[in-house]
Amino acid sequence: MREKMLEQLKEEEREQRHEVYEEKLEDAVKEISQLVLGERWKEIEERVENIMDMVQKMAFTEGYIYAIATLEEGLTNMV
């Protein structure tokens, strides 16, 4: 019973992280679209680089968190 509750909490946490990730990615796309419409190319280049850095860091963090969760599940199943 406790294991099922723990697994459900972990799944809910994963879903919340994924939703936050999707929202930030959508915001990044909107920001890029607004810059392109404004035709401020130097600013566009700099901001796109910053946005890409942010997205890459988010993806790395998401992968890291997934790896930790997988390791925790594996350790739990070993016990």
N, C-alpha and C. Protein backbone atom coordinates (compact mmCIF):
# COMPACT_ATOMS: atom_id res chain seq x y z
N MET A 1 0.83 -1.20 0.00
CA MET A 1 0.00 0.00 0.00
C MET A 1 0.87 1.25 0.00
N ARG A 2 1.86 1.26 0.88
CA ARG A 2 2.73 2.43 0.99
C ARG A 2 3.54 2.63 -0.29
N GLU A 3 3.98 1.52 -0.87
CA GLU A 3 4.76 1.58 -2.10
C GLU A 3 3.93 2.15 -3.25
N LYS A 4 2.67 1.78 -3.31
CA LYS A 4 1.78 2.31 -4.35
C LYS A 4 1.61 3.82 -4.19
N MET A 5 1.45 4.27 -2.96
CA MET A 5 1.29 5.71 -2.70
C MET A 5 2.56 6.45 -3.07
N LEU A 6 3.71 5.88 -2.74
CA LEU A 6 4.99 6.49 -3.06
C LEU A 6 5.18 6.57 -4.57
N GLU A 7 4.85 5.51 -5.26
CA GLU A 7 4.96 5.48 -6.72
C GLU A 7 4.02 6.51 -7.35
N GLN A 8 2.80 6.62 -6.81
CA GLN A 8 1.85 7.60 -7.33
C GLN A 8 2.36 9.02 -7.12
N LEU A 9 2.95 9.29 -5.97
CA LEU A 9 3.51 10.62 -5.70
C LEU A 9 4.66 10.93 -6.66
N LYS A 10 5.50 9.94 -6.91
CA LYS A 10 6.61 10.12 -7.84
C LYS A 10 6.10 10.41 -9.25
N GLU A 11 5.07 9.70 -9.65
CA GLU A 11 4.49 9.90 -10.98
C GLU A 11 3.88 11.30 -11.10
N GLU A 12 3.19 11.74 -10.07
CA GLU A 12 2.60 13.08 -10.08
C GLU A 12 3.70 14.14 -10.15
N GLU A 13 4.80 13.92 -9.44
CA GLU A 13 5.92 14.86 -9.48
C GLU A 13 6.52 14.91 -10.88
N ARG A 14 6.67 13.75 -11.52
CA ARG A 14 7.20 13.71 -12.89
C ARG A 14 6.28 14.48 -13.84
N GLU A 15 4.98 14.28 -13.69
CA GLU A 15 4.02 14.96 -14.56
C GLU A 15 4.09 16.47 -14.36
N GLN A 16 4.22 16.92 -13.12
CA GLN A 16 4.32 18.36 -12.84
C GLN A 16 5.58 18.94 -13.45
N ARG A 17 6.71 18.23 -13.32
CA ARG A 17 7.96 18.72 -13.92
C ARG A 17 7.83 18.80 -15.43
N HIS A 18 7.17 17.81 -16.02
CA HIS A 18 6.99 17.81 -17.47
C HIS A 18 6.10 18.98 -17.90
N GLU A 19 5.06 19.27 -17.15
CA GLU A 19 4.18 20.39 -17.47
C GLU A 19 4.94 21.71 -17.40
N VAL A 20 5.76 21.89 -16.37
CA VAL A 20 6.56 23.10 -16.24
C VAL A 20 7.52 23.22 -17.41
N TYR A 21 8.14 22.11 -17.78
CA TYR A 21 9.07 22.08 -18.91
C TYR A 21 8.35 22.50 -20.19
N GLU A 22 7.16 21.95 -20.43
CA GLU A 22 6.39 22.27 -21.63
C GLU A 22 6.00 23.75 -21.64
N GLU A 23 5.60 24.29 -20.49
CA GLU A 23 5.23 25.70 -20.41
C GLU A 23 6.42 26.60 -20.73
N LYS A 24 7.58 26.29 -20.18
CA LYS A 24 8.77 27.10 -20.44
C LYS A 24 9.18 27.02 -21.90
N LEU A 25 9.06 25.84 -22.49
CA LEU A 25 9.39 25.68 -23.90
C LEU A 25 8.42 26.49 -24.77
N GLU A 26 7.15 26.47 -24.43
CA GLU A 26 6.15 27.25 -25.16
C GLU A 26 6.44 28.75 -25.03
N ASP A 27 6.79 29.19 -23.83
CA ASP A 27 7.15 30.60 -23.63
C ASP A 27 8.36 30.98 -24.49
N ALA A 28 9.33 30.09 -24.58
CA ALA A 28 10.52 30.36 -25.39
C ALA A 28 10.16 30.53 -26.85
N VAL A 29 9.28 29.67 -27.35
CA VAL A 29 8.86 29.76 -28.75
C VAL A 29 8.11 31.06 -28.99
N LYS A 30 7.25 31.45 -28.07
CA LYS A 30 6.51 32.71 -28.21
C LYS A 30 7.47 33.89 -28.22
N GLU A 31 8.45 33.86 -27.34
CA GLU A 31 9.43 34.95 -27.27
C GLU A 31 10.22 35.05 -28.58
N ILE A 32 10.63 33.93 -29.13
CA ILE A 32 11.35 33.93 -30.40
C ILE A 32 10.46 34.49 -31.51
N SER A 33 9.20 34.09 -31.53
CA SER A 33 8.27 34.57 -32.56
C SER A 33 8.11 36.08 -32.48
N GLN A 34 8.02 36.62 -31.29
CA GLN A 34 7.88 38.07 -31.12
C GLN A 34 9.12 38.80 -31.60
N LEU A 35 10.28 38.24 -31.35
CA LEU A 35 11.51 38.87 -31.79
C LEU A 35 11.60 38.89 -33.32
N VAL A 36 11.24 37.81 -33.93
CA VAL A 36 11.32 37.72 -35.39
C VAL A 36 10.39 38.75 -36.02
N LEU A 37 9.21 38.91 -35.45
CA LEU A 37 8.27 39.89 -35.98
C LEU A 37 8.82 41.31 -35.85
N GLY A 38 9.62 41.56 -34.81
CA GLY A 38 10.17 42.89 -34.59
C GLY A 38 11.37 43.18 -35.46
N GLU A 39 11.94 42.16 -36.09
CA GLU A 39 13.09 42.30 -36.98
C GLU A 39 14.28 43.01 -36.33
N ARG A 40 14.56 42.70 -35.10
CA ARG A 40 15.74 43.23 -34.42
C ARG A 40 16.76 42.10 -34.38
N TRP A 41 17.50 41.95 -35.47
CA TRP A 41 18.31 40.76 -35.68
C TRP A 41 19.41 40.54 -34.65
N LYS A 42 20.13 41.57 -34.25
CA LYS A 42 21.20 41.39 -33.26
C LYS A 42 20.60 40.93 -31.93
N GLU A 43 19.53 41.58 -31.55
CA GLU A 43 18.85 41.20 -30.31
C GLU A 43 18.29 39.78 -30.44
N ILE A 44 17.77 39.47 -31.62
CA ILE A 44 17.23 38.13 -31.85
C ILE A 44 18.31 37.09 -31.63
N GLU A 45 19.47 37.31 -32.23
CA GLU A 45 20.55 36.34 -32.12
C GLU A 45 20.95 36.11 -30.66
N GLU A 46 21.11 37.19 -29.92
CA GLU A 46 21.52 37.08 -28.51
C GLU A 46 20.45 36.39 -27.67
N ARG A 47 19.20 36.76 -27.87
CA ARG A 47 18.13 36.19 -27.06
C ARG A 47 17.88 34.73 -27.41
N VAL A 48 18.01 34.39 -28.70
CA VAL A 48 17.85 32.99 -29.10
C VAL A 48 18.93 32.14 -28.44
N GLU A 49 20.16 32.65 -28.40
CA GLU A 49 21.24 31.92 -27.73
C GLU A 49 20.92 31.72 -26.26
N ASN A 50 20.42 32.77 -25.61
CA ASN A 50 20.06 32.67 -24.19
C ASN A 50 18.93 31.68 -23.98
N ILE A 51 17.94 31.73 -24.86
CA ILE A 51 16.81 30.80 -24.74
C ILE A 51 17.28 29.37 -24.96
N MET A 52 18.12 29.15 -25.94
CA MET A 52 18.63 27.80 -26.20
C MET A 52 19.44 27.28 -25.01
N ASP A 53 20.24 28.14 -24.41
CA ASP A 53 20.99 27.75 -23.21
C ASP A 53 20.04 27.32 -22.11
N MET A 54 18.97 28.11 -21.91
CA MET A 54 18.00 27.80 -20.87
C MET A 54 17.33 26.45 -21.15
N VAL A 55 16.93 26.22 -22.40
CA VAL A 55 16.26 24.97 -22.77
C VAL A 55 17.21 23.78 -22.58
N GLN A 56 18.47 23.95 -22.95
CA GLN A 56 19.44 22.86 -22.78
C GLN A 56 19.63 22.54 -21.30
N LYS A 57 19.69 23.55 -20.46
CA LYS A 57 19.85 23.33 -19.02
C LYS A 57 18.62 22.63 -18.46
N MET A 58 17.43 23.04 -18.93
CA MET A 58 16.20 22.40 -18.47
C MET A 58 16.19 20.93 -18.88
N ALA A 59 16.60 20.64 -20.10
CA ALA A 59 16.61 19.26 -20.58
C ALA A 59 17.61 18.42 -19.78
N PHE A 60 18.78 18.99 -19.50
CA PHE A 60 19.78 18.28 -18.70
C PHE A 60 19.22 17.99 -17.31
N THR A 61 18.60 18.99 -16.70
CA THR A 61 18.05 18.82 -15.36
C THR A 61 16.95 17.76 -15.36
N GLU A 62 16.09 17.80 -16.38
CA GLU A 62 15.03 16.80 -16.48
C GLU A 62 15.62 15.39 -16.60
N GLY A 63 16.65 15.24 -17.40
CA GLY A 63 17.31 13.95 -17.55
C GLY A 63 17.95 13.49 -16.25
N TYR A 64 18.56 14.41 -15.54
CA TYR A 64 19.20 14.11 -14.26
C TYR A 64 18.16 13.64 -13.24
N ILE A 65 17.05 14.37 -13.17
CA ILE A 65 15.99 14.01 -12.23
C ILE A 65 15.41 12.65 -12.58
N TYR A 66 15.23 12.39 -13.87
CA TYR A 66 14.71 11.09 -14.31
C TYR A 66 15.67 9.97 -13.91
N ALA A 67 16.96 10.21 -14.10
CA ALA A 67 17.96 9.19 -13.75
C ALA A 67 17.93 8.89 -12.25
N ILE A 68 17.82 9.92 -11.44
CA ILE A 68 17.76 9.74 -9.98
C ILE A 68 16.50 8.95 -9.61
N ALA A 69 15.37 9.31 -10.21
CA ALA A 69 14.12 8.62 -9.92
C ALA A 69 14.21 7.14 -10.31
N THR A 70 14.82 6.89 -11.45
CA THR A 70 14.99 5.50 -11.91
C THR A 70 15.89 4.73 -10.95
N LEU A 71 16.96 5.36 -10.52
CA LEU A 71 17.87 4.73 -9.56
C LEU A 71 17.14 4.44 -8.25
N GLU A 72 16.35 5.39 -7.77
CA GLU A 72 15.59 5.18 -6.54
C GLU A 72 14.64 4.00 -6.67
N GLU A 73 13.96 3.93 -7.82
CA GLU A 73 13.03 2.82 -8.04
C GLU A 73 13.76 1.49 -8.04
N GLY A 74 14.94 1.47 -8.70
CA GLY A 74 15.73 0.26 -8.74
C GLY A 74 16.18 -0.19 -7.36
N LEU A 75 16.60 0.77 -6.55
CA LEU A 75 17.04 0.46 -5.19
C LEU A 75 15.87 -0.02 -4.34
N THR A 76 14.70 0.60 -4.54
CA THR A 76 13.52 0.20 -3.79
C THR A 76 13.13 -1.24 -4.12
N ASN A 77 13.24 -1.58 -5.40
CA ASN A 77 12.86 -2.94 -5.82
C ASN A 77 13.87 -3.98 -5.35
N MET A 78 15.11 -3.57 -5.07
CA MET A 78 16.13 -4.50 -4.60
C MET A 78 15.88 -4.90 -3.15
N VAL A 79 15.24 -4.02 -2.40
CA VAL A 79 15.05 -4.26 -0.97
C VAL A 79 13.90 -5.15 -0.72
